[in-house]
Amino acid sequence: MTVPVLSLDGKESGVLELPKELFGVKVNKALLSQAIRVYTSNIKGHFSNTKTRSEVKGSTRKIYKQKGTGGARHGAKSAPIFVGGGIALGPKFRKVVLDLPKKMKKAALSSALTSKLTEGEVFGIKGLEKVSGKTSQIREFLKKSGKEKVLFILGGKDENVSRAVGNLTGVDILTADQVNILEIIKHKTLVLTEEAVKSLELRVKNEKVEKEEKK
């Protein structure tokens, strides 16, 4: 299982071998949908907060006697029926943290990578060590290769490449241990270094080793 390797001038200059356990699995769309929901829920903040009648500042004294006034019966001014009173059934701040078991995370990652490969949107790249931090170098690569909305996946951090990518809209860069399903899905094309593929493979193998050790 191989994909073309692109040089910085946008031309093909070899092939990159991809592991089947990451790029050759059956795509599980239901699992992908679940994984995306987990990631987006953890990113999204639930910060809206309203006060109930017990939290509103002010007297809790009954505004007038129960009977004999001819008016409706009321309690304190903090009741939701009054302007400035508490809010009934309003939104409350809550911290929502969802998670997936490691086995499901690994399966979702493999499904996302395989999905991109079947779409023909996975490529290797070489020559990134020549990038000096100038945005024009990556912009020229994208122009010559005809790629857009690209996610660069590296084996480790590279300040020069990060700086070169930083000012480009729709283009991002992550290391292999930072990659998640949401980032893969929201970008059109994946461009990986050979080191990134090895790191992804090692990441999956380490998860298997941890599972076996727990047994």
C-alpha atoms as a PDB file:
ATOM      1  CA  MET A   1       0.000   0.000   0.000  1.00  0.00           C
ATOM      2  CA  THR A   2       1.753   3.136  -1.252  1.00  0.00           C
ATOM      3  CA  VAL A   3       1.042   6.803  -2.014  1.00  0.00           C
ATOM      4  CA  PRO A   4       2.991   9.319  -4.113  1.00  0.00           C
ATOM      5  CA  VAL A   5       5.669  11.400  -2.390  1.00  0.00           C
ATOM      6  CA  LEU A   6       5.776  15.073  -3.376  1.00  0.00           C
ATOM      7  CA  SER A   7       8.826  17.314  -3.316  1.00  0.00           C
ATOM      8  CA  LEU A   8       8.671  21.025  -2.455  1.00  0.00           C
ATOM      9  CA  ASP A   9       8.318  21.873  -6.143  1.00  0.00           C
ATOM     10  CA  GLY A  10       5.044  19.902  -6.208  1.00  0.00           C
ATOM     11  CA  LYS A  11       6.346  17.050  -8.362  1.00  0.00           C
ATOM     12  CA  GLU A  12       6.187  13.342  -7.571  1.00  0.00           C
ATOM     13  CA  SER A  13       9.524  11.977  -6.423  1.00  0.00           C
ATOM     14  CA  GLY A  14       8.888   8.474  -5.143  1.00  0.00           C
ATOM     15  CA  VAL A  15       6.377   6.509  -3.102  1.00  0.00           C
ATOM     16  CA  LEU A  16       5.610   6.177   0.600  1.00  0.00           C
ATOM     17  CA  GLU A  17       4.676   2.824   2.151  1.00  0.00           C
ATOM     18  CA  LEU A  18       1.627   2.948   4.427  1.00  0.00           C
ATOM     19  CA  PRO A  19       0.748   0.355   7.113  1.00  0.00           C
ATOM     20  CA  LYS A  20      -2.480  -1.572   6.490  1.00  0.00           C
ATOM     21  CA  GLU A  21      -3.563  -1.417  10.141  1.00  0.00           C
ATOM     22  CA  LEU A  22      -3.864   2.369   9.786  1.00  0.00           C
ATOM     23  CA  PHE A  23      -4.773   2.934   6.141  1.00  0.00           C
ATOM     24  CA  GLY A  24      -6.350  -0.351   5.059  1.00  0.00           C
ATOM     25  CA  VAL A  25      -9.248  -0.977   7.440  1.00  0.00           C
ATOM     26  CA  LYS A  26     -12.996  -1.016   6.870  1.00  0.00           C
ATOM     27  CA  VAL A  27     -14.337   2.517   7.359  1.00  0.00           C
ATOM     28  CA  ASN A  28     -16.778   2.638  10.284  1.00  0.00           C
ATOM     29  CA  LYS A  29     -18.910   5.737   9.636  1.00  0.00           C
ATOM     30  CA  ALA A  30     -20.944   5.326  12.837  1.00  0.00           C
ATOM     31  CA  LEU A  31     -17.767   5.249  14.928  1.00  0.00           C
ATOM     32  CA  LEU A  32     -16.375   8.277  13.078  1.00  0.00           C
ATOM     33  CA  SER A  33     -19.570  10.191  13.823  1.00  0.00           C
ATOM     34  CA  GLN A  34     -19.370   9.233  17.498  1.00  0.00           C
ATOM     35  CA  ALA A  35     -15.699  10.217  17.738  1.00  0.00           C
ATOM     36  CA  ILE A  36     -16.364  13.606  16.111  1.00  0.00           C
ATOM     37  CA  ARG A  37     -19.179  14.237  18.602  1.00  0.00           C
ATOM     38  CA  VAL A  38     -16.818  13.466  21.499  1.00  0.00           C
ATOM     39  CA  TYR A  39     -14.133  15.847  20.230  1.00  0.00           C
ATOM     40  CA  THR A  40     -16.530  18.691  19.410  1.00  0.00           C
ATOM     41  CA  SER A  41     -18.360  18.357  22.744  1.00  0.00           C
ATOM     42  CA  ASN A  42     -15.086  18.634  24.645  1.00  0.00           C
ATOM     43  CA  ILE A  43     -14.080  21.720  22.658  1.00  0.00           C
ATOM     44  CA  LYS A  44     -17.449  23.431  22.998  1.00  0.00           C
ATOM     45  CA  GLY A  45     -18.031  25.426  26.192  1.00  0.00           C
ATOM     46  CA  HIS A  46     -21.318  25.381  28.120  1.00  0.00           C
ATOM     47  CA  PHE A  47     -20.917  28.754  29.822  1.00  0.00           C
ATOM     48  CA  SER A  48     -24.449  30.180  29.763  1.00  0.00           C
ATOM     49  CA  ASN A  49     -25.759  30.575  33.298  1.00  0.00           C
ATOM     50  CA  THR A  50     -29.006  32.018  34.667  1.00  0.00           C
ATOM     51  CA  LYS A  51     -30.081  32.551  38.274  1.00  0.00           C
ATOM     52  CA  THR A  52     -32.984  30.695  39.817  1.00  0.00           C
ATOM     53  CA  ARG A  53     -35.340  32.394  42.287  1.00  0.00           C
ATOM     54  CA  SER A  54     -33.180  31.180  45.178  1.00  0.00           C
ATOM     55  CA  GLU A  55     -30.076  32.821  43.661  1.00  0.00           C
ATOM     56  CA  VAL A  56     -31.577  36.234  42.846  1.00  0.00           C
ATOM     57  CA  LYS A  57     -30.457  38.963  45.239  1.00  0.00           C
ATOM     58  CA  GLY A  58     -33.260  40.581  47.257  1.00  0.00           C
ATOM     59  CA  SER A  59     -35.849  39.978  49.939  1.00  0.00           C
ATOM     60  CA  THR A  60     -37.741  36.704  50.084  1.00  0.00           C
ATOM     61  CA  ARG A  61     -40.562  38.361  51.989  1.00  0.00           C
ATOM     62  CA  LYS A  62     -44.087  37.842  50.669  1.00  0.00           C
ATOM     63  CA  ILE A  63     -45.047  41.014  48.773  1.00  0.00           C
ATOM     64  CA  TYR A  64     -48.546  41.222  50.295  1.00  0.00           C
ATOM     65  CA  LYS A  65     -50.921  39.103  52.312  1.00  0.00           C
ATOM     66  CA  GLN A  66     -52.390  35.963  50.818  1.00  0.00           C
ATOM     67  CA  LYS A  67     -56.050  36.999  50.819  1.00  0.00           C
ATOM     68  CA  GLY A  68     -58.188  40.103  50.889  1.00  0.00           C
ATOM     69  CA  THR A  69     -56.425  42.191  48.247  1.00  0.00           C
ATOM     70  CA  GLY A  70     -58.453  41.099  45.252  1.00  0.00           C
ATOM     71  CA  GLY A  71     -55.245  40.347  43.381  1.00  0.00           C
ATOM     72  CA  ALA A  72     -53.561  37.111  42.464  1.00  0.00           C
ATOM     73  CA  ARG A  73     -51.688  35.282  45.188  1.00  0.00           C
ATOM     74  CA  HIS A  74     -47.927  35.877  45.077  1.00  0.00           C
ATOM     75  CA  GLY A  75     -44.869  35.083  47.116  1.00  0.00           C
ATOM     76  CA  ALA A  76     -41.560  36.948  46.873  1.00  0.00           C
ATOM     77  CA  LYS A  77     -40.425  39.320  44.116  1.00  0.00           C
ATOM     78  CA  SER A  78     -37.804  36.752  43.172  1.00  0.00           C
ATOM     79  CA  ALA A  79     -40.449  34.496  41.592  1.00  0.00           C
ATOM     80  CA  PRO A  80     -39.956  33.884  37.843  1.00  0.00           C
ATOM     81  CA  ILE A  81     -43.251  35.626  37.056  1.00  0.00           C
ATOM     82  CA  PHE A  82     -41.806  39.046  37.987  1.00  0.00           C
ATOM     83  CA  VAL A  83     -39.366  41.175  35.986  1.00  0.00           C
ATOM     84  CA  GLY A  84     -36.001  40.856  37.696  1.00  0.00           C
ATOM     85  CA  GLY A  85     -36.979  37.579  39.291  1.00  0.00           C
ATOM     86  CA  GLY A  86     -35.308  34.216  38.842  1.00  0.00           C
ATOM     87  CA  ILE A  87     -35.379  32.304  35.560  1.00  0.00           C
ATOM     88  CA  ALA A  88     -37.347  29.078  35.447  1.00  0.00           C
ATOM     89  CA  LEU A  89     -35.601  26.243  33.599  1.00  0.00           C
ATOM     90  CA  GLY A  90     -32.867  28.532  32.231  1.00  0.00           C
ATOM     91  CA  PRO A  91     -29.438  27.339  31.021  1.00  0.00           C
ATOM     92  CA  LYS A  92     -26.887  26.461  33.705  1.00  0.00           C
ATOM     93  CA  PHE A  93     -23.109  26.198  33.458  1.00  0.00           C
ATOM     94  CA  ARG A  94     -21.987  22.607  33.165  1.00  0.00           C
ATOM     95  CA  LYS A  95     -18.719  20.937  32.363  1.00  0.00           C
ATOM     96  CA  VAL A  96     -19.166  18.190  29.796  1.00  0.00           C
ATOM     97  CA  VAL A  97     -16.305  15.750  29.306  1.00  0.00           C
ATOM     98  CA  LEU A  98     -16.838  12.833  26.941  1.00  0.00           C
ATOM     99  CA  ASP A  99     -14.298  10.150  26.129  1.00  0.00           C
ATOM    100  CA  LEU A 100     -13.816   7.021  24.071  1.00  0.00           C
ATOM    101  CA  PRO A 101     -12.040   3.803  25.078  1.00  0.00           C
ATOM    102  CA  LYS A 102      -8.536   3.490  23.587  1.00  0.00           C
ATOM    103  CA  LYS A 103      -9.619   0.659  21.301  1.00  0.00           C
ATOM    104  CA  MET A 104     -12.383   2.826  19.817  1.00  0.00           C
ATOM    105  CA  LYS A 105     -10.023   5.812  19.454  1.00  0.00           C
ATOM    106  CA  LYS A 106      -7.559   3.680  17.516  1.00  0.00           C
ATOM    107  CA  ALA A 107     -10.328   2.240  15.311  1.00  0.00           C
ATOM    108  CA  ALA A 108     -11.728   5.732  14.640  1.00  0.00           C
ATOM    109  CA  LEU A 109      -8.264   7.068  13.750  1.00  0.00           C
ATOM    110  CA  SER A 110      -7.698   4.178  11.334  1.00  0.00           C
ATOM    111  CA  SER A 111     -11.147   4.708   9.788  1.00  0.00           C
ATOM    112  CA  ALA A 112     -10.457   8.418   9.271  1.00  0.00           C
ATOM    113  CA  LEU A 113      -7.051   7.768   7.675  1.00  0.00           C
ATOM    114  CA  THR A 114      -8.441   4.996   5.463  1.00  0.00           C
ATOM    115  CA  SER A 115     -11.318   7.245   4.397  1.00  0.00           C
ATOM    116  CA  LYS A 116      -8.856   9.920   3.244  1.00  0.00           C
ATOM    117  CA  LEU A 117      -6.780   7.342   1.389  1.00  0.00           C
ATOM    118  CA  THR A 118      -9.800   5.966  -0.489  1.00  0.00           C
ATOM    119  CA  GLU A 119     -10.620   9.554  -1.519  1.00  0.00           C
ATOM    120  CA  GLY A 120      -7.098   9.848  -2.956  1.00  0.00           C
ATOM    121  CA  GLU A 121      -6.208  12.651  -0.561  1.00  0.00           C
ATOM    122  CA  VAL A 122      -3.146  11.192   1.208  1.00  0.00           C
ATOM    123  CA  PHE A 123       0.359  12.088   0.030  1.00  0.00           C
ATOM    124  CA  GLY A 124       3.892  11.830   1.296  1.00  0.00           C
ATOM    125  CA  ILE A 125       6.329  14.734   1.291  1.00  0.00           C
ATOM    126  CA  LYS A 126      10.074  15.133   1.427  1.00  0.00           C
ATOM    127  CA  GLY A 127      12.377  18.119   1.598  1.00  0.00           C
ATOM    128  CA  LEU A 128      10.665  19.935   4.472  1.00  0.00           C
ATOM    129  CA  GLU A 129      14.066  20.292   6.128  1.00  0.00           C
ATOM    130  CA  LYS A 130      14.798  22.891   3.409  1.00  0.00           C
ATOM    131  CA  VAL A 131      11.965  25.132   4.638  1.00  0.00           C
ATOM    132  CA  SER A 132      13.480  28.186   6.314  1.00  0.00           C
ATOM    133  CA  GLY A 133      10.293  29.514   7.884  1.00  0.00           C
ATOM    134  CA  LYS A 134       9.076  31.564   4.913  1.00  0.00           C
ATOM    135  CA  THR A 135       5.366  31.304   4.135  1.00  0.00           C
ATOM    136  CA  SER A 136       6.123  31.683   0.423  1.00  0.00           C
ATOM    137  CA  GLN A 137       7.857  28.283   0.382  1.00  0.00           C
ATOM    138  CA  ILE A 138       4.757  26.390   1.523  1.00  0.00           C
ATOM    139  CA  ARG A 139       2.433  28.611  -0.536  1.00  0.00           C
ATOM    140  CA  GLU A 140       4.473  27.772  -3.637  1.00  0.00           C
ATOM    141  CA  PHE A 141       4.279  24.050  -2.812  1.00  0.00           C
ATOM    142  CA  LEU A 142       0.485  24.236  -2.492  1.00  0.00           C
ATOM    143  CA  LYS A 143       0.197  26.165  -5.754  1.00  0.00           C
ATOM    144  CA  LYS A 144       2.387  23.793  -7.761  1.00  0.00           C
ATOM    145  CA  SER A 145       0.850  20.622  -6.300  1.00  0.00           C
ATOM    146  CA  GLY A 146      -2.712  21.952  -6.592  1.00  0.00           C
ATOM    147  CA  LYS A 147      -3.535  21.133  -2.975  1.00  0.00           C
ATOM    148  CA  GLU A 148      -5.752  23.117  -0.611  1.00  0.00           C
ATOM    149  CA  LYS A 149      -7.038  22.747   2.957  1.00  0.00           C
ATOM    150  CA  VAL A 150      -3.974  20.658   3.780  1.00  0.00           C
ATOM    151  CA  LEU A 151      -3.013  19.079   7.087  1.00  0.00           C
ATOM    152  CA  PHE A 152       0.744  18.506   7.335  1.00  0.00           C
ATOM    153  CA  ILE A 153       1.593  15.649   9.700  1.00  0.00           C
ATOM    154  CA  LEU A 154       5.202  15.489  10.913  1.00  0.00           C
ATOM    155  CA  GLY A 155       7.101  12.992  13.026  1.00  0.00           C
ATOM    156  CA  GLY A 156       8.127  15.741  15.472  1.00  0.00           C
ATOM    157  CA  LYS A 157       8.000  19.495  15.967  1.00  0.00           C
ATOM    158  CA  ASP A 158       9.659  21.701  13.360  1.00  0.00           C
ATOM    159  CA  GLU A 159       9.669  25.425  14.152  1.00  0.00           C
ATOM    160  CA  ASN A 160      10.557  26.483  10.603  1.00  0.00           C
ATOM    161  CA  VAL A 161       7.710  24.535   8.995  1.00  0.00           C
ATOM    162  CA  SER A 162       5.265  25.649  11.712  1.00  0.00           C
ATOM    163  CA  ARG A 163       6.198  29.277  11.094  1.00  0.00           C
ATOM    164  CA  ALA A 164       5.857  28.858   7.317  1.00  0.00           C
ATOM    165  CA  VAL A 165       2.403  27.267   7.646  1.00  0.00           C
ATOM    166  CA  GLY A 166       1.139  29.615  10.369  1.00  0.00           C
ATOM    167  CA  ASN A 167      -0.040  32.434   8.078  1.00  0.00           C
ATOM    168  CA  LEU A 168      -1.856  30.244   5.554  1.00  0.00           C
ATOM    169  CA  THR A 169      -5.645  29.985   5.778  1.00  0.00           C
ATOM    170  CA  GLY A 170      -7.013  26.441   5.815  1.00  0.00           C
ATOM    171  CA  VAL A 171      -3.556  24.896   6.218  1.00  0.00           C
ATOM    172  CA  ASP A 172      -2.436  23.383   9.521  1.00  0.00           C
ATOM    173  CA  ILE A 173       0.423  21.348  10.917  1.00  0.00           C
ATOM    174  CA  LEU A 174       0.438  18.682  13.644  1.00  0.00           C
ATOM    175  CA  THR A 175       2.833  16.057  14.908  1.00  0.00           C
ATOM    176  CA  ALA A 176       1.824  12.397  14.708  1.00  0.00           C
ATOM    177  CA  ASP A 177       1.042  12.242  18.431  1.00  0.00           C
ATOM    178  CA  GLN A 178      -1.256  15.300  18.173  1.00  0.00           C
ATOM    179  CA  VAL A 179      -3.375  14.055  15.278  1.00  0.00           C
ATOM    180  CA  ASN A 180      -7.041  13.375  15.983  1.00  0.00           C
ATOM    181  CA  ILE A 181     -10.089  12.396  13.959  1.00  0.00           C
ATOM    182  CA  LEU A 182     -11.589  15.884  13.888  1.00  0.00           C
ATOM    183  CA  GLU A 183      -8.465  17.449  12.337  1.00  0.00           C
ATOM    184  CA  ILE A 184      -8.244  14.685   9.733  1.00  0.00           C
ATOM    185  CA  ILE A 185     -11.880  15.032   8.686  1.00  0.00           C
ATOM    186  CA  LYS A 186     -11.987  18.834   8.502  1.00  0.00           C
ATOM    187  CA  HIS A 187      -8.993  19.029   6.138  1.00  0.00           C
ATOM    188  CA  LYS A 188      -9.286  17.953   2.515  1.00  0.00           C
ATOM    189  CA  THR A 189      -5.756  16.586   2.047  1.00  0.00           C
ATOM    190  CA  LEU A 190      -3.247  14.878   4.346  1.00  0.00           C
ATOM    191  CA  VAL A 191       0.459  15.330   3.650  1.00  0.00           C
ATOM    192  CA  LEU A 192       2.727  13.140   5.778  1.00  0.00           C
ATOM    193  CA  THR A 193       6.445  12.706   6.203  1.00  0.00           C
ATOM    194  CA  GLU A 194       7.942   9.221   6.396  1.00  0.00           C
ATOM    195  CA  GLU A 195       8.748   9.878  10.080  1.00  0.00           C
ATOM    196  CA  ALA A 196       5.088  10.758  10.729  1.00  0.00           C
ATOM    197  CA  VAL A 197       3.912   7.414   9.337  1.00  0.00           C
ATOM    198  CA  LYS A 198       6.395   5.578  11.567  1.00  0.00           C
ATOM    199  CA  SER A 199       5.281   7.612  14.598  1.00  0.00           C
ATOM    200  CA  LEU A 200       1.600   6.895  13.908  1.00  0.00           C
ATOM    201  CA  GLU A 201       2.366   3.196  13.575  1.00  0.00           C
ATOM    202  CA  LEU A 202       4.342   3.271  16.828  1.00  0.00           C
ATOM    203  CA  ARG A 203       1.508   5.147  18.556  1.00  0.00           C
ATOM    204  CA  VAL A 204      -0.955   2.382  17.675  1.00  0.00           C
ATOM    205  CA  LYS A 205       1.482  -0.372  18.677  1.00  0.00           C
ATOM    206  CA  ASN A 206       2.119   1.291  22.058  1.00  0.00           C
ATOM    207  CA  GLU A 207      -1.631   1.330  22.721  1.00  0.00           C
ATOM    208  CA  LYS A 208      -1.737  -2.408  21.991  1.00  0.00           C
ATOM    209  CA  VAL A 209       1.205  -3.049  24.329  1.00  0.00           C
ATOM    210  CA  GLU A 210      -0.478  -1.085  27.147  1.00  0.00           C
ATOM    211  CA  LYS A 211      -3.644  -3.135  26.699  1.00  0.00           C
ATOM    212  CA  GLU A 212      -1.744  -6.442  26.817  1.00  0.00           C
ATOM    213  CA  GLU A 213       0.155  -5.365  29.943  1.00  0.00           C
ATOM    214  CA  LYS A 214      -3.101  -4.561  31.733  1.00  0.00           C
ATOM    215  CA  LYS A 215      -4.355  -8.075  30.975  1.00  0.00           C
END
